[in-house]
Protein backbone atom coordinates (compact mmCIF):
# COMPACT_ATOMS: atom_id res chain seq x y z
CA MET A 1 9.16 26.22 11.26
CA ARG A 2 11.46 24.99 13.93
CA LEU A 3 12.03 21.21 14.97
CA GLY A 4 10.53 20.66 18.38
CA HIS A 5 11.69 16.72 19.30
CA ASP A 6 14.97 15.11 17.94
CA HIS A 7 13.39 11.44 18.65
CA ALA A 8 10.54 9.50 16.53
CA ARG A 9 9.51 6.96 15.62
CA VAL A 10 6.76 5.85 13.34
CA ARG A 11 4.76 2.26 12.10
CA VAL A 12 3.21 2.27 8.46
CA PRO A 13 1.24 -0.60 7.35
CA ALA A 14 1.53 -2.42 3.82
CA THR A 15 -1.34 -1.88 1.64
CA SER A 16 -3.14 -3.85 -1.49
CA ALA A 17 -3.98 -1.18 -4.18
CA ASN A 18 -6.99 -1.82 -6.61
CA LEU A 19 -8.45 -4.80 -5.58
CA GLY A 20 -9.24 -5.63 -8.56
CA PRO A 21 -11.71 -3.14 -10.13
CA GLY A 22 -10.80 0.26 -8.36
CA PHE A 23 -8.04 -0.20 -10.64
CA ASP A 24 -5.28 3.32 -9.43
CA ALA A 25 -8.62 4.40 -6.69
CA LEU A 26 -9.27 1.80 -4.46
CA GLY A 27 -6.40 0.50 -1.61
CA LEU A 28 -6.69 -1.38 1.45
CA ALA A 29 -4.09 -1.09 4.71
CA LEU A 30 -3.09 -4.48 5.92
CA ALA A 31 -2.08 -5.12 9.37
CA LEU A 32 1.55 -5.78 8.52
CA HIS A 33 3.99 -3.04 9.30
CA ASP A 34 7.62 -1.71 9.24
CA ASP A 35 8.81 0.43 12.40
CA LEU A 36 11.55 3.09 11.33
CA ASP A 37 13.17 5.32 14.21
CA VAL A 38 14.81 8.59 13.71
CA ARG A 39 16.53 10.31 15.92
CA ALA A 40 18.11 14.33 14.78
CA LEU A 41 22.18 14.38 15.17
CA GLY A 42 24.07 17.19 15.83
CA SER A 43 26.61 16.53 12.68
CA PRO A 44 25.40 16.69 9.38
CA ASP A 45 26.18 12.93 9.11
CA VAL A 46 23.28 10.36 7.84
CA VAL A 47 22.91 6.75 9.01
CA VAL A 48 20.23 4.09 7.54
CA GLU A 49 20.15 0.74 9.51
CA VAL A 50 18.20 -1.52 7.84
CA THR A 51 16.56 -5.09 9.33
CA GLY A 52 14.35 -7.49 7.31
CA GLU A 53 12.70 -6.77 3.72
CA GLY A 54 15.48 -4.72 2.01
CA ALA A 55 18.27 -5.13 3.69
CA GLY A 56 21.89 -5.75 2.10
CA GLU A 57 19.98 -4.03 -1.11
CA VAL A 58 18.48 -0.71 -0.48
CA PRO A 59 20.76 2.46 -0.40
CA LEU A 60 21.81 3.40 3.48
CA GLY A 61 22.33 7.32 2.78
CA GLU A 62 20.73 10.37 1.45
CA ASP A 63 19.36 7.80 -1.04
CA HIS A 64 16.92 5.55 1.09
CA LEU A 65 13.43 6.56 0.34
CA VAL A 66 12.28 7.38 4.11
CA VAL A 67 15.14 9.63 4.23
CA ARG A 68 14.12 11.61 0.99
CA ALA A 69 10.34 11.74 2.16
CA LEU A 70 11.37 13.07 5.49
CA ARG A 71 13.64 15.84 4.10
CA LEU A 72 10.88 16.76 1.38
CA ALA A 73 8.42 17.31 4.63
CA LEU A 74 10.82 19.17 6.34
CA ASP A 75 11.73 21.12 3.31
CA HIS A 76 7.87 21.79 2.64
CA VAL A 77 6.80 23.45 5.94
CA GLY A 78 10.63 25.29 5.91
CA ALA A 79 12.13 23.38 8.62
CA PRO A 80 16.35 23.15 8.79
CA GLN A 81 17.30 20.27 8.00
CA THR A 82 19.98 17.72 10.44
CA GLY A 83 21.70 14.99 10.00
CA LEU A 84 19.62 11.58 11.31
CA HIS A 85 20.55 8.06 12.52
CA LEU A 86 17.51 6.14 10.80
CA THR A 87 16.52 2.53 11.81
CA CYS A 88 14.07 0.22 9.79
CA VAL A 89 12.73 -3.06 10.82
CA ASN A 90 10.87 -3.89 7.25
CA ARG A 91 8.40 -6.41 7.14
CA ILE A 92 6.60 -5.46 3.87
CA PRO A 93 8.08 -7.44 1.07
CA HIS A 94 9.58 -5.29 -1.42
CA GLY A 95 8.41 -5.42 -4.97
CA ARG A 96 5.13 -7.44 -4.71
CA GLY A 97 2.45 -5.27 -4.86
CA LEU A 98 2.52 -4.45 -1.07
CA GLY A 99 2.88 -1.07 -0.81
CA SER A 100 6.54 -1.16 0.83
CA SER A 101 7.61 1.90 -1.41
CA ALA A 102 4.59 3.99 -0.17
CA ALA A 103 5.16 2.48 3.18
CA ALA A 104 8.51 4.43 3.04
CA ALA A 105 7.29 7.65 1.57
CA VAL A 106 4.62 7.50 4.23
CA GLY A 107 6.50 6.73 6.67
CA GLY A 108 9.24 9.25 5.97
CA VAL A 109 7.02 11.84 5.85
CA LEU A 110 5.27 11.14 9.05
CA LEU A 111 8.85 11.43 10.94
CA ALA A 112 9.19 14.30 9.85
CA ARG A 113 5.95 15.94 11.51
CA ALA A 114 6.62 13.76 14.63
CA LEU A 115 10.10 16.30 15.08
CA LEU A 116 8.13 19.61 14.40
CA ALA A 117 7.33 21.65 17.37
CA GLU A 118 3.93 22.29 15.27
CA PRO A 119 3.08 19.55 13.59
CA GLU A 120 0.00 20.62 12.39
CA ALA A 121 1.62 22.23 9.38
CA LEU A 122 1.95 18.79 7.99
CA ASP A 123 -2.08 17.48 7.84
CA ASP A 124 -2.74 14.26 6.05
CA ASP A 125 -3.85 16.17 2.72
CA ALA A 126 -0.13 17.29 2.70
CA VAL A 127 1.48 13.91 3.81
CA LEU A 128 -0.86 12.76 0.96
CA ALA A 129 0.22 14.87 -1.25
CA ILE A 130 4.59 14.80 -0.72
CA ALA A 131 4.64 11.15 -0.52
CA CYS A 132 2.65 11.19 -3.95
CA ALA A 133 5.53 13.17 -5.26
CA LEU A 134 8.17 10.36 -4.40
CA GLU A 135 5.70 7.08 -4.91
CA GLY A 136 3.38 8.31 -7.43
CA HIS A 137 -0.26 6.84 -7.37
CA PRO A 138 -2.50 7.90 -4.04
CA ASP A 139 -3.86 3.83 -4.54
CA ASN A 140 -1.00 3.04 -1.73
CA ALA A 141 -0.30 6.02 0.30
CA ALA A 142 -3.69 6.95 0.74
CA PRO A 143 -5.05 3.57 3.06
CA ALA A 144 -1.33 3.25 4.42
CA ILE A 145 -2.16 7.16 5.68
CA LEU A 146 -5.82 6.60 6.58
CA GLY A 147 -6.14 3.25 7.17
CA GLY A 148 -9.18 0.51 6.28
CA ALA A 149 -10.15 0.93 2.71
CA THR A 150 -9.93 4.57 1.10
CA ILE A 151 -11.03 5.82 -2.35
CA ALA A 152 -7.68 8.03 -3.94
CA TRP A 153 -8.39 10.01 -6.74
CA LEU A 154 -6.57 13.52 -8.07
CA GLU A 155 -8.15 16.52 -9.03
CA ALA A 156 -7.37 20.41 -9.84
CA ASP A 157 -5.54 22.19 -7.36
CA ASP A 158 -6.77 25.61 -6.39
CA ALA A 159 -3.78 27.96 -6.73
CA ASP A 160 -2.05 25.69 -9.56
CA PRO A 161 -5.10 25.05 -12.14
CA THR A 162 -2.34 23.39 -14.47
CA ALA A 163 -1.59 20.91 -11.37
CA VAL A 164 -3.50 18.21 -9.79
CA ARG A 165 -3.34 17.18 -5.74
CA PRO A 166 -4.26 13.89 -4.78
CA ARG A 167 -7.80 13.17 -2.32
CA ALA A 168 -8.18 10.43 -0.51
CA VAL A 169 -11.69 9.25 1.72
CA ARG A 170 -11.97 7.02 3.80
CA LEU A 171 -13.90 3.52 3.26
CA ALA A 172 -15.86 1.27 5.59
CA VAL A 173 -14.97 -2.26 5.95
CA HIS A 174 -16.73 -5.25 7.45
CA ALA A 175 -15.75 -7.01 10.48
CA ASP A 176 -16.02 -10.23 8.76
CA ILE A 177 -13.46 -9.50 5.58
CA GLU A 178 -10.28 -11.31 6.68
CA PRO A 179 -7.84 -10.64 3.74
CA VAL A 180 -5.37 -13.17 2.89
CA VAL A 181 -2.69 -12.50 0.66
CA ILE A 182 -0.45 -15.03 -0.90
CA VAL A 183 3.49 -13.95 -1.34
CA PRO A 184 5.18 -15.58 -3.96
CA GLY A 185 9.44 -15.55 -4.13
CA SER A 186 9.74 -13.68 -7.39
CA ARG A 187 9.40 -9.92 -7.43
CA LEU A 188 8.19 -8.13 -10.13
CA ALA A 189 8.96 -4.30 -10.93
CA THR A 190 5.74 -1.73 -10.69
CA LYS A 191 7.27 -0.33 -13.95
CA ALA A 192 7.16 -3.51 -15.65
CA ALA A 193 3.39 -4.38 -14.72
CA ARG A 194 2.55 -1.37 -15.79
CA GLY A 195 4.68 -1.23 -19.02
CA VAL A 196 1.95 -3.79 -20.22
CA LEU A 197 -1.18 -2.24 -20.16
CA PRO A 198 -2.87 -0.98 -23.29
CA ALA A 199 -3.32 2.77 -23.81
CA THR A 200 -6.69 2.41 -24.36
CA VAL A 201 -9.50 -0.26 -23.79
CA PRO A 202 -12.52 -0.88 -25.20
CA HIS A 203 -15.84 0.97 -23.96
CA THR A 204 -17.51 -2.21 -23.13
CA ASP A 205 -15.09 -3.20 -20.14
CA ALA A 206 -14.62 0.78 -18.73
CA ALA A 207 -18.45 1.08 -18.57
CA ALA A 208 -18.27 -3.16 -16.87
CA GLN A 209 -15.36 -1.79 -14.62
CA ALA A 210 -16.98 1.26 -13.26
CA GLY A 211 -20.31 -0.85 -12.11
CA ARG A 212 -18.03 -3.48 -10.38
CA ALA A 213 -15.64 -0.92 -8.51
CA ALA A 214 -18.92 0.64 -7.52
CA LEU A 215 -20.10 -2.76 -6.34
CA LEU A 216 -17.22 -3.08 -4.78
CA VAL A 217 -17.44 -0.24 -2.15
CA GLU A 218 -21.11 -1.70 -1.03
CA ALA A 219 -19.43 -5.19 -0.59
CA LEU A 220 -16.44 -3.75 1.18
CA GLY A 221 -18.73 -1.75 3.60
CA ARG A 222 -21.76 -4.14 4.16
CA ARG A 223 -22.30 -6.83 1.51
CA PRO A 224 -19.49 -8.89 1.75
CA ASP A 225 -21.32 -11.50 0.52
CA LEU A 226 -20.84 -9.71 -2.66
CA LEU A 227 -16.89 -9.71 -2.85
CA PHE A 228 -16.46 -12.11 -5.53
CA PRO A 229 -18.82 -10.55 -8.16
CA ALA A 230 -17.62 -7.11 -7.12
CA THR A 231 -13.65 -8.02 -7.23
CA VAL A 232 -14.32 -8.91 -11.47
CA ASP A 233 -11.58 -6.96 -13.44
CA ARG A 234 -11.47 -5.90 -16.79
CA LEU A 235 -8.75 -3.54 -17.45
CA HIS A 236 -5.04 -4.46 -15.96
CA GLN A 237 -4.77 -7.92 -14.53
CA GLY A 238 -5.69 -9.50 -18.32
CA TYR A 239 -3.03 -7.62 -19.56
CA ARG A 240 -0.27 -8.59 -17.31
CA ARG A 241 -0.59 -12.14 -17.71
CA ALA A 242 2.33 -12.24 -19.83
CA VAL A 243 4.96 -11.13 -17.02
CA MET A 244 3.33 -12.70 -13.76
CA PRO A 245 1.51 -16.00 -15.69
CA ASP A 246 1.90 -17.84 -12.43
CA SER A 247 -0.18 -15.26 -10.17
CA LEU A 248 -3.02 -15.07 -12.75
CA ALA A 249 -3.60 -18.98 -12.74
CA LEU A 250 -3.55 -18.68 -8.93
CA VAL A 251 -6.30 -16.05 -9.19
CA ASP A 252 -7.73 -17.90 -11.87
CA ALA A 253 -7.75 -21.48 -9.70
CA LEU A 254 -9.03 -19.63 -6.30
CA ARG A 255 -11.78 -17.54 -8.48
CA ALA A 256 -13.03 -21.05 -10.14
CA ARG A 257 -13.53 -22.03 -6.84
CA GLY A 258 -15.49 -19.06 -5.83
CA VAL A 259 -13.05 -17.17 -3.82
CA ALA A 260 -12.70 -13.31 -4.52
CA ALA A 261 -8.96 -13.49 -5.90
CA VAL A 262 -6.97 -10.62 -7.52
CA VAL A 263 -3.57 -9.26 -7.83
CA SER A 264 -2.16 -6.98 -5.09
CA GLY A 265 -1.39 -3.66 -6.69
CA ALA A 266 0.84 -4.16 -9.67
CA GLY A 267 1.86 -7.65 -8.18
CA PRO A 268 2.57 -10.62 -8.39
CA THR A 269 1.07 -11.46 -4.97
CA VAL A 270 -1.89 -12.80 -4.76
CA LEU A 271 -4.89 -10.77 -2.18
CA ALA A 272 -8.22 -13.24 -1.38
CA LEU A 273 -10.71 -10.59 0.20
CA ALA A 274 -12.04 -13.96 2.06
CA ARG A 275 -14.34 -13.73 5.03
CA ARG A 276 -13.84 -14.89 8.68
CA THR A 277 -15.27 -18.77 9.28
CA ASP A 278 -17.08 -19.58 13.08
CA ASP A 279 -13.61 -21.79 13.72
CA GLY A 280 -11.34 -18.77 12.95
CA ARG A 281 -10.73 -19.65 9.58
CA THR A 282 -11.49 -18.07 6.25
CA ASP A 283 -13.50 -19.52 3.56
CA ALA A 284 -10.71 -19.43 1.16
CA ASP A 285 -8.19 -21.55 3.40
CA GLU A 286 -9.47 -24.88 1.38
CA ALA A 287 -9.44 -22.96 -1.88
CA ILE A 288 -5.31 -22.06 -1.40
CA ALA A 289 -4.72 -25.70 -0.09
CA ALA A 290 -6.15 -26.82 -3.23
CA ALA A 291 -4.78 -24.66 -5.25
CA PHE A 292 -1.38 -25.99 -4.14
CA GLY A 293 -1.87 -29.39 -3.44
CA GLY A 294 0.22 -29.26 -0.63
CA GLN A 295 3.47 -28.06 -2.90
CA MET A 296 4.10 -24.33 -1.86
CA GLY A 297 6.77 -24.16 -4.41
CA GLY A 298 8.33 -20.78 -2.67
CA TRP A 299 4.79 -18.73 -2.15
CA ARG A 300 3.84 -17.75 1.68
CA VAL A 301 0.40 -17.22 2.79
CA LEU A 302 -0.06 -14.01 5.09
CA ARG A 303 -3.22 -13.33 7.18
CA PRO A 304 -2.21 -9.81 8.51
CA GLY A 305 -6.31 -8.47 8.95
CA VAL A 306 -7.02 -5.09 8.51
CA ASP A 307 -5.25 -2.32 9.77
CA LEU A 308 -7.56 -0.17 10.27
CA ASP A 309 -5.98 2.64 11.79
CA GLY A 310 -3.18 3.66 9.36
CA ALA A 311 0.33 5.08 10.04
CA ARG A 312 1.34 6.33 13.53
CA ALA A 313 4.16 8.01 14.50
CA TRP A 314 5.16 9.63 18.09
CA GLN A 315 8.18 11.13 19.69
CA VAL A 316 10.37 9.49 21.78
CA GLY A 317 11.50 10.30 24.83
């Protein structure tokens, strides 16, 4: 496999995983994007420039997640490695449960695909597998790749029965659904959020969760009027209250006002699956304003919309 291009760009969306009951399975792509640009160099140098989210914090060399993903993808297809000049314009908040790591991993793999003379060597299944090898669970990577809402799962690998591979399918998203993202000033590491989860849960909770997750698929695609009951969670959010008390208090306050509010991914961002109103607002706006009482305390409210296309890469020049 050889490189056919020396300059590529990708735009990759933020994502919200779980959506309440769809723990480690459901995800939604949001129209809030990181823009990545890479040039292959004739030297072995690696230069990384970052503006926006993560600037001054993330590694600026081989350890940068986009660089690692790009190199892993090139190795996967047997393409030669090269020096790199990577520019990242980051808009996805880091450490907030909005899929910034998945966006970086997916973005790096898609940059590699755009550099290849035969990009079909990295199909979407391969992109998902490589991204998950770096980032972990597929519930964020899948919507970043496919756009819209997705269901992701792991299944036995046909080539190696002892291994598993990630799979994903895309779901319809009703045109009336308008995600509202409420981002706190504080961060929370995914490891910390997962560390408080129990090894087992009551059978009654698991059974209830299965029903709500199934209902959420219907609510997302055809019945947004069912979003409130469809987003009831009994597997993870309650256990995480100790590490994100403000986020769960906000979820409680919004749900008390009839808003389909959940923790976004591992948190601490809160996602409201709202619906558009005739005046261009959403049915969650008044509840959000009431919950904060005019004092945002470092929280930001974003209305990014749903990204229906997923990440997109192209050659430059």
